[in-house]
Amino acid sequence: AGWFRQAPGNQRELVAHITGSGNTNYADSVKGRFTISR
C-alpha cells in the first residue's frame, strides 16, 4: 500500500510505500520525517 498526496495545481505523487512483506520506501522530500506502517 502507499500514501499519495496532491497539492493544488499538481498531480498526485507517491509519498510513502510499504510492501506486502513490510519493506518501506519514501519520497526524498519526506524521508526522515514520515513513517508508513500497518
PDB file of all heavy atoms in Angstrom:
ATOM      1  N   ALA A   1       0.837  -1.192   0.000  1.00  0.00           N
ATOM      2  CA  ALA A   1       0.000   0.000   0.000  1.00  0.00           C
ATOM      3  C   ALA A   1       0.869   1.238   0.000  1.00  0.00           C
ATOM      4  O   ALA A   1       2.050   1.187   0.372  1.00  0.00           O
ATOM      5  CB  ALA A   1      -0.931   0.004   1.207  1.00  0.00           C
ATOM      6  N   GLY A   2       0.283   2.337  -0.424  1.00  0.00           N
ATOM      7  CA  GLY A   2       1.024   3.577  -0.466  1.00  0.00           C
ATOM      8  C   GLY A   2       0.190   4.764  -0.053  1.00  0.00           C
ATOM      9  O   GLY A   2      -1.045   4.731  -0.120  1.00  0.00           O
ATOM     10  N   TRP A   3       0.886   5.791   0.388  1.00  0.00           N
ATOM     11  CA  TRP A   3       0.283   7.084   0.640  1.00  0.00           C
ATOM     12  C   TRP A   3       0.708   8.034  -0.466  1.00  0.00           C
ATOM     13  O   TRP A   3       1.885   8.081  -0.837  1.00  0.00           O
ATOM     14  CB  TRP A   3       0.709   7.647   1.997  1.00  0.00           C
ATOM     15  CG  TRP A   3      -0.043   7.067   3.157  1.00  0.00           C
ATOM     16  CD1 TRP A   3       0.352   6.060   3.974  1.00  0.00           C
ATOM     17  CD2 TRP A   3      -1.322   7.491   3.634  1.00  0.00           C
ATOM     18  NE1 TRP A   3      -0.597   5.814   4.929  1.00  0.00           N
ATOM     19  CE2 TRP A   3      -1.643   6.684   4.743  1.00  0.00           C
ATOM     20  CE3 TRP A   3      -2.230   8.471   3.233  1.00  0.00           C
ATOM     21  CZ2 TRP A   3      -2.833   6.827   5.458  1.00  0.00           C
ATOM     22  CZ3 TRP A   3      -3.412   8.610   3.936  1.00  0.00           C
ATOM     23  CH2 TRP A   3      -3.700   7.791   5.034  1.00  0.00           C
ATOM     24  N   PHE A   4      -0.251   8.783  -0.965  1.00  0.00           N
ATOM     25  CA  PHE A   4      -0.035   9.745  -2.028  1.00  0.00           C
ATOM     26  C   PHE A   4      -0.528  11.108  -1.563  1.00  0.00           C
ATOM     27  O   PHE A   4      -1.307  11.205  -0.623  1.00  0.00           O
ATOM     28  CB  PHE A   4      -0.786   9.341  -3.297  1.00  0.00           C
ATOM     29  CG  PHE A   4      -0.462   7.963  -3.796  1.00  0.00           C
ATOM     30  CD1 PHE A   4      -0.977   6.836  -3.172  1.00  0.00           C
ATOM     31  CD2 PHE A   4       0.349   7.791  -4.905  1.00  0.00           C
ATOM     32  CE1 PHE A   4      -0.692   5.564  -3.637  1.00  0.00           C
ATOM     33  CE2 PHE A   4       0.647   6.518  -5.384  1.00  0.00           C
ATOM     34  CZ  PHE A   4       0.126   5.408  -4.746  1.00  0.00           C
ATOM     35  N   ARG A   5      -0.095  12.134  -2.229  1.00  0.00           N
ATOM     36  CA  ARG A   5      -0.626  13.453  -1.935  1.00  0.00           C
ATOM     37  C   ARG A   5      -0.758  14.260  -3.217  1.00  0.00           C
ATOM     38  O   ARG A   5      -0.043  14.036  -4.194  1.00  0.00           O
ATOM     39  CB  ARG A   5       0.235  14.202  -0.918  1.00  0.00           C
ATOM     40  CG  ARG A   5       1.618  14.609  -1.414  1.00  0.00           C
ATOM     41  CD  ARG A   5       2.419  15.212  -0.273  1.00  0.00           C
ATOM     42  NE  ARG A   5       3.755  15.631  -0.673  1.00  0.00           N
ATOM     43  CZ  ARG A   5       4.686  16.053   0.167  1.00  0.00           C
ATOM     44  NH1 ARG A   5       4.430  16.110   1.476  1.00  0.00           N
ATOM     45  NH2 ARG A   5       5.879  16.420  -0.283  1.00  0.00           N
ATOM     46  N   GLN A   6      -1.686  15.190  -3.186  1.00  0.00           N
ATOM     47  CA  GLN A   6      -1.929  16.062  -4.321  1.00  0.00           C
ATOM     48  C   GLN A   6      -2.112  17.484  -3.816  1.00  0.00           C
ATOM     49  O   GLN A   6      -3.087  17.786  -3.127  1.00  0.00           O
ATOM     50  CB  GLN A   6      -3.154  15.608  -5.110  1.00  0.00           C
ATOM     51  CG  GLN A   6      -3.377  16.369  -6.400  1.00  0.00           C
ATOM     52  CD  GLN A   6      -4.426  15.710  -7.277  1.00  0.00           C
ATOM     53  OE1 GLN A   6      -5.240  14.928  -6.810  1.00  0.00           O
ATOM     54  NE2 GLN A   6      -4.398  16.022  -8.564  1.00  0.00           N
ATOM     55  N   ALA A   7      -1.169  18.333  -4.158  1.00  0.00           N
ATOM     56  CA  ALA A   7      -1.232  19.740  -3.804  1.00  0.00           C
ATOM     57  C   ALA A   7      -1.961  20.496  -4.905  1.00  0.00           C
ATOM     58  O   ALA A   7      -2.048  20.024  -6.045  1.00  0.00           O
ATOM     59  CB  ALA A   7       0.172  20.300  -3.603  1.00  0.00           C
ATOM     60  N   PRO A   8      -2.487  21.672  -4.600  1.00  0.00           N
ATOM     61  CA  PRO A   8      -3.200  22.456  -5.616  1.00  0.00           C
ATOM     62  C   PRO A   8      -2.363  22.685  -6.865  1.00  0.00           C
ATOM     63  O   PRO A   8      -1.214  23.117  -6.780  1.00  0.00           O
ATOM     64  CB  PRO A   8      -3.495  23.776  -4.900  1.00  0.00           C
ATOM     65  CG  PRO A   8      -3.570  23.399  -3.458  1.00  0.00           C
ATOM     66  CD  PRO A   8      -2.518  22.336  -3.283  1.00  0.00           C
ATOM     67  N   GLY A   9      -2.938  22.379  -8.026  1.00  0.00           N
ATOM     68  CA  GLY A   9      -2.256  22.578  -9.290  1.00  0.00           C
ATOM     69  C   GLY A   9      -1.283  21.487  -9.671  1.00  0.00           C
ATOM     70  O   GLY A   9      -0.689  21.553 -10.752  1.00  0.00           O
ATOM     71  N   ASN A  10      -1.096  20.501  -8.817  1.00  0.00           N
ATOM     72  CA  ASN A  10      -0.151  19.417  -9.085  1.00  0.00           C
ATOM     73  C   ASN A  10      -0.858  18.088  -9.266  1.00  0.00           C
ATOM     74  O   ASN A  10      -2.015  17.912  -8.891  1.00  0.00           O
ATOM     75  CB  ASN A  10       0.860  19.299  -7.944  1.00  0.00           C
ATOM     76  CG  ASN A  10       1.743  20.511  -7.803  1.00  0.00           C
ATOM     77  OD1 ASN A  10       1.991  21.222  -8.778  1.00  0.00           O
ATOM     78  ND2 ASN A  10       2.224  20.749  -6.595  1.00  0.00           N
ATOM     79  N   GLN A  11      -0.132  17.141  -9.840  1.00  0.00           N
ATOM     80  CA  GLN A  11      -0.641  15.785  -9.954  1.00  0.00           C
ATOM     81  C   GLN A  11      -0.369  15.021  -8.670  1.00  0.00           C
ATOM     82  O   GLN A  11       0.459  15.415  -7.848  1.00  0.00           O
ATOM     83  CB  GLN A  11       0.000  15.066 -11.141  1.00  0.00           C
ATOM     84  CG  GLN A  11      -0.456  15.550 -12.503  1.00  0.00           C
ATOM     85  CD  GLN A  11       0.002  14.636 -13.612  1.00  0.00           C
ATOM     86  OE1 GLN A  11       1.194  14.381 -13.759  1.00  0.00           O
ATOM     87  NE2 GLN A  11      -0.941  14.138 -14.394  1.00  0.00           N
ATOM     88  N   ARG A  12      -1.062  13.931  -8.512  1.00  0.00           N
ATOM     89  CA  ARG A  12      -0.865  13.079  -7.356  1.00  0.00           C
ATOM     90  C   ARG A  12       0.525  12.459  -7.398  1.00  0.00           C
ATOM     91  O   ARG A  12       0.976  11.998  -8.444  1.00  0.00           O
ATOM     92  CB  ARG A  12      -1.945  11.992  -7.343  1.00  0.00           C
ATOM     93  CG  ARG A  12      -1.989  11.144  -6.091  1.00  0.00           C
ATOM     94  CD  ARG A  12      -3.087  10.088  -6.204  1.00  0.00           C
ATOM     95  NE  ARG A  12      -4.420  10.669  -6.280  1.00  0.00           N
ATOM     96  CZ  ARG A  12      -5.184  10.662  -7.371  1.00  0.00           C
ATOM     97  NH1 ARG A  12      -4.760  10.098  -8.486  1.00  0.00           N
ATOM     98  NH2 ARG A  12      -6.391  11.214  -7.336  1.00  0.00           N
ATOM     99  N   GLU A  13       1.206  12.452  -6.264  1.00  0.00           N
ATOM    100  CA  GLU A  13       2.537  11.886  -6.183  1.00  0.00           C
ATOM    101  C   GLU A  13       2.639  10.899  -5.032  1.00  0.00           C
ATOM    102  O   GLU A  13       1.981  11.050  -4.007  1.00  0.00           O
ATOM    103  CB  GLU A  13       3.589  12.992  -6.012  1.00  0.00           C
ATOM    104  CG  GLU A  13       3.459  13.778  -4.717  1.00  0.00           C
ATOM    105  CD  GLU A  13       4.586  14.770  -4.513  1.00  0.00           C
ATOM    106  OE1 GLU A  13       5.614  14.663  -5.201  1.00  0.00           O
ATOM    107  OE2 GLU A  13       4.431  15.667  -3.653  1.00  0.00           O
ATOM    108  N   LEU A  14       3.489   9.917  -5.207  1.00  0.00           N
ATOM    109  CA  LEU A  14       3.713   8.921  -4.168  1.00  0.00           C
ATOM    110  C   LEU A  14       4.596   9.500  -3.082  1.00  0.00           C
ATOM    111  O   LEU A  14       5.661  10.052  -3.363  1.00  0.00           O
ATOM    112  CB  LEU A  14       4.355   7.671  -4.765  1.00  0.00           C
ATOM    113  CG  LEU A  14       4.697   6.546  -3.789  1.00  0.00           C
ATOM    114  CD1 LEU A  14       3.422   5.948  -3.197  1.00  0.00           C
ATOM    115  CD2 LEU A  14       5.506   5.459  -4.491  1.00  0.00           C
ATOM    116  N   VAL A  15       4.173   9.344  -1.841  1.00  0.00           N
ATOM    117  CA  VAL A  15       4.905   9.856  -0.695  1.00  0.00           C
ATOM    118  C   VAL A  15       5.623   8.737   0.050  1.00  0.00           C
ATOM    119  O   VAL A  15       6.797   8.862   0.405  1.00  0.00           O
ATOM    120  CB  VAL A  15       3.965  10.608   0.267  1.00  0.00           C
ATOM    121  CG1 VAL A  15       4.703  11.005   1.537  1.00  0.00           C
ATOM    122  CG2 VAL A  15       3.378  11.825  -0.424  1.00  0.00           C
ATOM    123  N   ALA A  16       4.924   7.652   0.300  1.00  0.00           N
ATOM    124  CA  ALA A  16       5.480   6.535   1.052  1.00  0.00           C
ATOM    125  C   ALA A  16       4.830   5.243   0.603  1.00  0.00           C
ATOM    126  O   ALA A  16       3.664   5.232   0.211  1.00  0.00           O
ATOM    127  CB  ALA A  16       5.276   6.730   2.555  1.00  0.00           C
ATOM    128  N   HIS A  17       5.586   4.155   0.685  1.00  0.00           N
ATOM    129  CA  HIS A  17       5.077   2.871   0.243  1.00  0.00           C
ATOM    130  C   HIS A  17       5.544   1.772   1.186  1.00  0.00           C
ATOM    131  O   HIS A  17       6.664   1.820   1.703  1.00  0.00           O
ATOM    132  CB  HIS A  17       5.555   2.563  -1.184  1.00  0.00           C
ATOM    133  CG  HIS A  17       5.062   1.253  -1.723  1.00  0.00           C
ATOM    134  ND1 HIS A  17       5.831   0.116  -1.717  1.00  0.00           N
ATOM    135  CD2 HIS A  17       3.872   0.903  -2.274  1.00  0.00           C
ATOM    136  CE1 HIS A  17       5.142  -0.885  -2.237  1.00  0.00           C
ATOM    137  NE2 HIS A  17       3.946  -0.426  -2.585  1.00  0.00           N
ATOM    138  N   ILE A  18       4.680   0.806   1.401  1.00  0.00           N
ATOM    139  CA  ILE A  18       5.033  -0.365   2.187  1.00  0.00           C
ATOM    140  C   ILE A  18       4.621  -1.601   1.402  1.00  0.00           C
ATOM    141  O   ILE A  18       3.508  -1.686   0.884  1.00  0.00           O
ATOM    142  CB  ILE A  18       4.370  -0.337   3.587  1.00  0.00           C
ATOM    143  CG1 ILE A  18       4.826  -1.539   4.413  1.00  0.00           C
ATOM    144  CG2 ILE A  18       2.850  -0.278   3.476  1.00  0.00           C
ATOM    145  CD1 ILE A  18       4.448  -1.424   5.888  1.00  0.00           C
ATOM    146  N   THR A  19       5.531  -2.557   1.275  1.00  0.00           N
ATOM    147  CA  THR A  19       5.248  -3.770   0.522  1.00  0.00           C
ATOM    148  C   THR A  19       4.475  -4.755   1.380  1.00  0.00           C
ATOM    149  O   THR A  19       4.314  -4.581   2.587  1.00  0.00           O
ATOM    150  CB  THR A  19       6.538  -4.432   0.031  1.00  0.00           C
ATOM    151  OG1 THR A  19       7.264  -4.954   1.153  1.00  0.00           O
ATOM    152  CG2 THR A  19       7.409  -3.439  -0.723  1.00  0.00           C
ATOM    153  N   GLY A  20       3.997  -5.805   0.735  1.00  0.00           N
ATOM    154  CA  GLY A  20       3.296  -6.843   1.471  1.00  0.00           C
ATOM    155  C   GLY A  20       4.166  -7.517   2.512  1.00  0.00           C
ATOM    156  O   GLY A  20       3.655  -8.033   3.513  1.00  0.00           O
ATOM    157  N   SER A  21       5.476  -7.500   2.306  1.00  0.00           N
ATOM    158  CA  SER A  21       6.405  -8.105   3.255  1.00  0.00           C
ATOM    159  C   SER A  21       6.909  -7.123   4.310  1.00  0.00           C
ATOM    160  O   SER A  21       7.681  -7.502   5.184  1.00  0.00           O
ATOM    161  CB  SER A  21       7.591  -8.725   2.523  1.00  0.00           C
ATOM    162  OG  SER A  21       8.287  -7.757   1.769  1.00  0.00           O
ATOM    163  N   GLY A  22       6.488  -5.856   4.204  1.00  0.00           N
ATOM    164  CA  GLY A  22       6.836  -4.886   5.217  1.00  0.00           C
ATOM    165  C   GLY A  22       7.965  -3.938   4.886  1.00  0.00           C
ATOM    166  O   GLY A  22       8.315  -3.084   5.708  1.00  0.00           O
ATOM    167  N   ASN A  23       8.552  -4.048   3.714  1.00  0.00           N
ATOM    168  CA  ASN A  23       9.603  -3.123   3.310  1.00  0.00           C
ATOM    169  C   ASN A  23       9.005  -1.762   2.962  1.00  0.00           C
ATOM    170  O   ASN A  23       7.925  -1.678   2.382  1.00  0.00           O
ATOM    171  CB  ASN A  23      10.376  -3.670   2.117  1.00  0.00           C
ATOM    172  CG  ASN A  23      11.131  -4.933   2.454  1.00  0.00           C
ATOM    173  OD1 ASN A  23      11.707  -5.062   3.538  1.00  0.00           O
ATOM    174  ND2 ASN A  23      11.149  -5.887   1.529  1.00  0.00           N
ATOM    175  N   THR A  24       9.717  -0.708   3.298  1.00  0.00           N
ATOM    176  CA  THR A  24       9.213   0.643   3.081  1.00  0.00           C
ATOM    177  C   THR A  24      10.173   1.472   2.252  1.00  0.00           C
ATOM    178  O   THR A  24      11.378   1.218   2.227  1.00  0.00           O
ATOM    179  CB  THR A  24       8.970   1.362   4.414  1.00  0.00           C
ATOM    180  OG1 THR A  24      10.203   1.447   5.146  1.00  0.00           O
ATOM    181  CG2 THR A  24       7.946   0.614   5.247  1.00  0.00           C
ATOM    182  N   ASN A  25       9.622   2.466   1.574  1.00  0.00           N
ATOM    183  CA  ASN A  25      10.430   3.454   0.888  1.00  0.00           C
ATOM    184  C   ASN A  25       9.664   4.768   0.866  1.00  0.00           C
ATOM    185  O   ASN A  25       8.435   4.793   0.981  1.00  0.00           O
ATOM    186  CB  ASN A  25      10.820   2.997  -0.521  1.00  0.00           C
ATOM    187  CG  ASN A  25       9.628   2.814  -1.431  1.00  0.00           C
ATOM    188  OD1 ASN A  25       8.982   1.769  -1.442  1.00  0.00           O
ATOM    189  ND2 ASN A  25       9.321   3.855  -2.214  1.00  0.00           N
ATOM    190  N   TYR A  26      10.404   5.868   0.700  1.00  0.00           N
ATOM    191  CA  TYR A  26       9.834   7.192   0.833  1.00  0.00           C
ATOM    192  C   TYR A  26      10.353   8.125  -0.246  1.00  0.00           C
ATOM    193  O   TYR A  26      11.461   7.953  -0.758  1.00  0.00           O
ATOM    194  CB  TYR A  26      10.176   7.794   2.200  1.00  0.00           C
ATOM    195  CG  TYR A  26       9.724   6.953   3.365  1.00  0.00           C
ATOM    196  CD1 TYR A  26      10.555   5.969   3.897  1.00  0.00           C
ATOM    197  CD2 TYR A  26       8.474   7.133   3.926  1.00  0.00           C
ATOM    198  CE1 TYR A  26      10.138   5.189   4.964  1.00  0.00           C
ATOM    199  CE2 TYR A  26       8.046   6.361   4.992  1.00  0.00           C
ATOM    200  CZ  TYR A  26       8.884   5.387   5.504  1.00  0.00           C
ATOM    201  OH  TYR A  26       8.465   4.611   6.564  1.00  0.00           O
ATOM    202  N   ALA A  27       9.541   9.105  -0.569  1.00  0.00           N
ATOM    203  CA  ALA A  27       9.994  10.171  -1.434  1.00  0.00           C
ATOM    204  C   ALA A  27      11.083  10.957  -0.719  1.00  0.00           C
ATOM    205  O   ALA A  27      11.074  11.090   0.509  1.00  0.00           O
ATOM    206  CB  ALA A  27       8.838  11.090  -1.803  1.00  0.00           C
ATOM    207  N   ASP A  28      12.036  11.469  -1.481  1.00  0.00           N
ATOM    208  CA  ASP A  28      13.143  12.211  -0.885  1.00  0.00           C
ATOM    209  C   ASP A  28      12.658  13.389  -0.040  1.00  0.00           C
ATOM    210  O   ASP A  28      13.275  13.737   0.966  1.00  0.00           O
ATOM    211  CB  ASP A  28      14.087  12.717  -1.970  1.00  0.00           C
ATOM    212  CG  ASP A  28      14.883  11.601  -2.624  1.00  0.00           C
ATOM    213  OD1 ASP A  28      15.003  10.516  -2.019  1.00  0.00           O
ATOM    214  OD2 ASP A  28      15.395  11.818  -3.739  1.00  0.00           O
ATOM    215  N   SER A  29      11.561  13.992  -0.440  1.00  0.00           N
ATOM    216  CA  SER A  29      11.067  15.172   0.242  1.00  0.00           C
ATOM    217  C   SER A  29      10.548  14.895   1.648  1.00  0.00           C
ATOM    218  O   SER A  29      10.429  15.824   2.455  1.00  0.00           O
ATOM    219  CB  SER A  29       9.963  15.835  -0.590  1.00  0.00           C
ATOM    220  OG  SER A  29       8.886  14.943  -0.802  1.00  0.00           O
ATOM    221  N   VAL A  30      10.241  13.644   1.957  1.00  0.00           N
ATOM    222  CA  VAL A  30       9.684  13.310   3.264  1.00  0.00           C
ATOM    223  C   VAL A  30      10.532  12.319   4.040  1.00  0.00           C
ATOM    224  O   VAL A  30      10.235  12.037   5.209  1.00  0.00           O
ATOM    225  CB  VAL A  30       8.245  12.757   3.142  1.00  0.00           C
ATOM    226  CG1 VAL A  30       7.371  13.702   2.339  1.00  0.00           C
ATOM    227  CG2 VAL A  30       8.255  11.368   2.510  1.00  0.00           C
ATOM    228  N   LYS A  31      11.571  11.810   3.436  1.00  0.00           N
ATOM    229  CA  LYS A  31      12.407  10.814   4.088  1.00  0.00           C
ATOM    230  C   LYS A  31      12.999  11.370   5.381  1.00  0.00           C
ATOM    231  O   LYS A  31      13.533  12.475   5.413  1.00  0.00           O
ATOM    232  CB  LYS A  31      13.527  10.366   3.150  1.00  0.00           C
ATOM    233  CG  LYS A  31      14.306   9.163   3.651  1.00  0.00           C
ATOM    234  CD  LYS A  31      15.300   8.673   2.614  1.00  0.00           C
ATOM    235  CE  LYS A  31      16.032   7.428   3.081  1.00  0.00           C
ATOM    236  NZ  LYS A  31      16.996   6.935   2.050  1.00  0.00           N
ATOM    237  N   GLY A  32      12.894  10.584   6.433  1.00  0.00           N
ATOM    238  CA  GLY A  32      13.370  11.001   7.735  1.00  0.00           C
ATOM    239  C   GLY A  32      12.324  11.709   8.569  1.00  0.00           C
ATOM    240  O   GLY A  32      12.513  11.877   9.780  1.00  0.00           O
ATOM    241  N   ARG A  33      11.227  12.126   7.948  1.00  0.00           N
ATOM    242  CA  ARG A  33      10.164  12.829   8.657  1.00  0.00           C
ATOM    243  C   ARG A  33       8.874  12.022   8.718  1.00  0.00           C
ATOM    244  O   ARG A  33       8.129  12.127   9.688  1.00  0.00           O
ATOM    245  CB  ARG A  33       9.870  14.175   7.996  1.00  0.00           C
ATOM    246  CG  ARG A  33      11.065  15.113   7.960  1.00  0.00           C
ATOM    247  CD  ARG A  33      10.682  16.499   7.446  1.00  0.00           C
ATOM    248  NE  ARG A  33      10.198  16.456   6.064  1.00  0.00           N
ATOM    249  CZ  ARG A  33       8.976  16.812   5.680  1.00  0.00           C
ATOM    250  NH1 ARG A  33       8.101  17.252   6.582  1.00  0.00           N
ATOM    251  NH2 ARG A  33       8.633  16.758   4.403  1.00  0.00           N
ATOM    252  N   PHE A  34       8.593  11.241   7.680  1.00  0.00           N
ATOM    253  CA  PHE A  34       7.364  10.453   7.602  1.00  0.00           C
ATOM    254  C   PHE A  34       7.671   8.978   7.800  1.00  0.00           C
ATOM    255  O   PHE A  34       8.739   8.493   7.396  1.00  0.00           O
ATOM    256  CB  PHE A  34       6.688  10.621   6.240  1.00  0.00           C
ATOM    257  CG  PHE A  34       6.083  11.978   5.985  1.00  0.00           C
ATOM    258  CD1 PHE A  34       6.332  13.049   6.829  1.00  0.00           C
ATOM    259  CD2 PHE A  34       5.266  12.174   4.885  1.00  0.00           C
ATOM    260  CE1 PHE A  34       5.786  14.300   6.593  1.00  0.00           C
ATOM    261  CE2 PHE A  34       4.705  13.416   4.633  1.00  0.00           C
ATOM    262  CZ  PHE A  34       4.964  14.482   5.484  1.00  0.00           C
ATOM    263  N   THR A  35       6.720   8.259   8.375  1.00  0.00           N
ATOM    264  CA  THR A  35       6.847   6.827   8.573  1.00  0.00           C
ATOM    265  C   THR A  35       5.536   6.140   8.213  1.00  0.00           C
ATOM    266  O   THR A  35       4.487   6.490   8.753  1.00  0.00           O
ATOM    267  CB  THR A  35       7.217   6.473  10.020  1.00  0.00           C
ATOM    268  OG1 THR A  35       8.434   7.129  10.393  1.00  0.00           O
ATOM    269  CG2 THR A  35       7.405   4.970  10.164  1.00  0.00           C
ATOM    270  N   ILE A  36       5.608   5.170   7.314  1.00  0.00           N
ATOM    271  CA  ILE A  36       4.437   4.392   6.954  1.00  0.00           C
ATOM    272  C   ILE A  36       4.463   3.076   7.719  1.00  0.00           C
ATOM    273  O   ILE A  36       5.524   2.465   7.891  1.00  0.00           O
ATOM    274  CB  ILE A  36       4.362   4.148   5.429  1.00  0.00           C
ATOM    275  CG1 ILE A  36       3.048   3.462   5.051  1.00  0.00           C
ATOM    276  CG2 ILE A  36       5.557   3.344   4.933  1.00  0.00           C
ATOM    277  CD1 ILE A  36       2.810   3.386   3.541  1.00  0.00           C
ATOM    278  N   SER A  37       3.319   2.652   8.199  1.00  0.00           N
ATOM    279  CA  SER A  37       3.216   1.407   8.937  1.00  0.00           C
ATOM    280  C   SER A  37       1.833   0.809   8.714  1.00  0.00           C
ATOM    281  O   SER A  37       0.969   1.431   8.095  1.00  0.00           O
ATOM    282  CB  SER A  37       3.479   1.624  10.430  1.00  0.00           C
ATOM    283  OG  SER A  37       2.521   2.504  10.991  1.00  0.00           O
ATOM    284  N   ARG A  38       1.630  -0.388   9.218  1.00  0.00           N
ATOM    285  CA  ARG A  38       0.332  -1.036   9.061  1.00  0.00           C
ATOM    286  C   ARG A  38      -0.003  -1.878  10.277  1.00  0.00           C
ATOM    287  O   ARG A  38       0.871  -2.318  11.019  1.00  0.00           O
ATOM    288  CB  ARG A  38       0.319  -1.905   7.805  1.00  0.00           C
ATOM    289  CG  ARG A  38       1.223  -3.133   7.902  1.00  0.00           C
ATOM    290  CD  ARG A  38       1.286  -3.895   6.613  1.00  0.00           C
ATOM    291  NE  ARG A  38       2.179  -5.045   6.729  1.00  0.00           N
ATOM    292  CZ  ARG A  38       2.760  -5.644   5.727  1.00  0.00           C
ATOM    293  NH1 ARG A  38       2.565  -5.203   4.483  1.00  0.00           N
ATOM    294  NH2 ARG A  38       3.554  -6.692   5.934  1.00  0.00           N
TER     295      ARG A  38
END
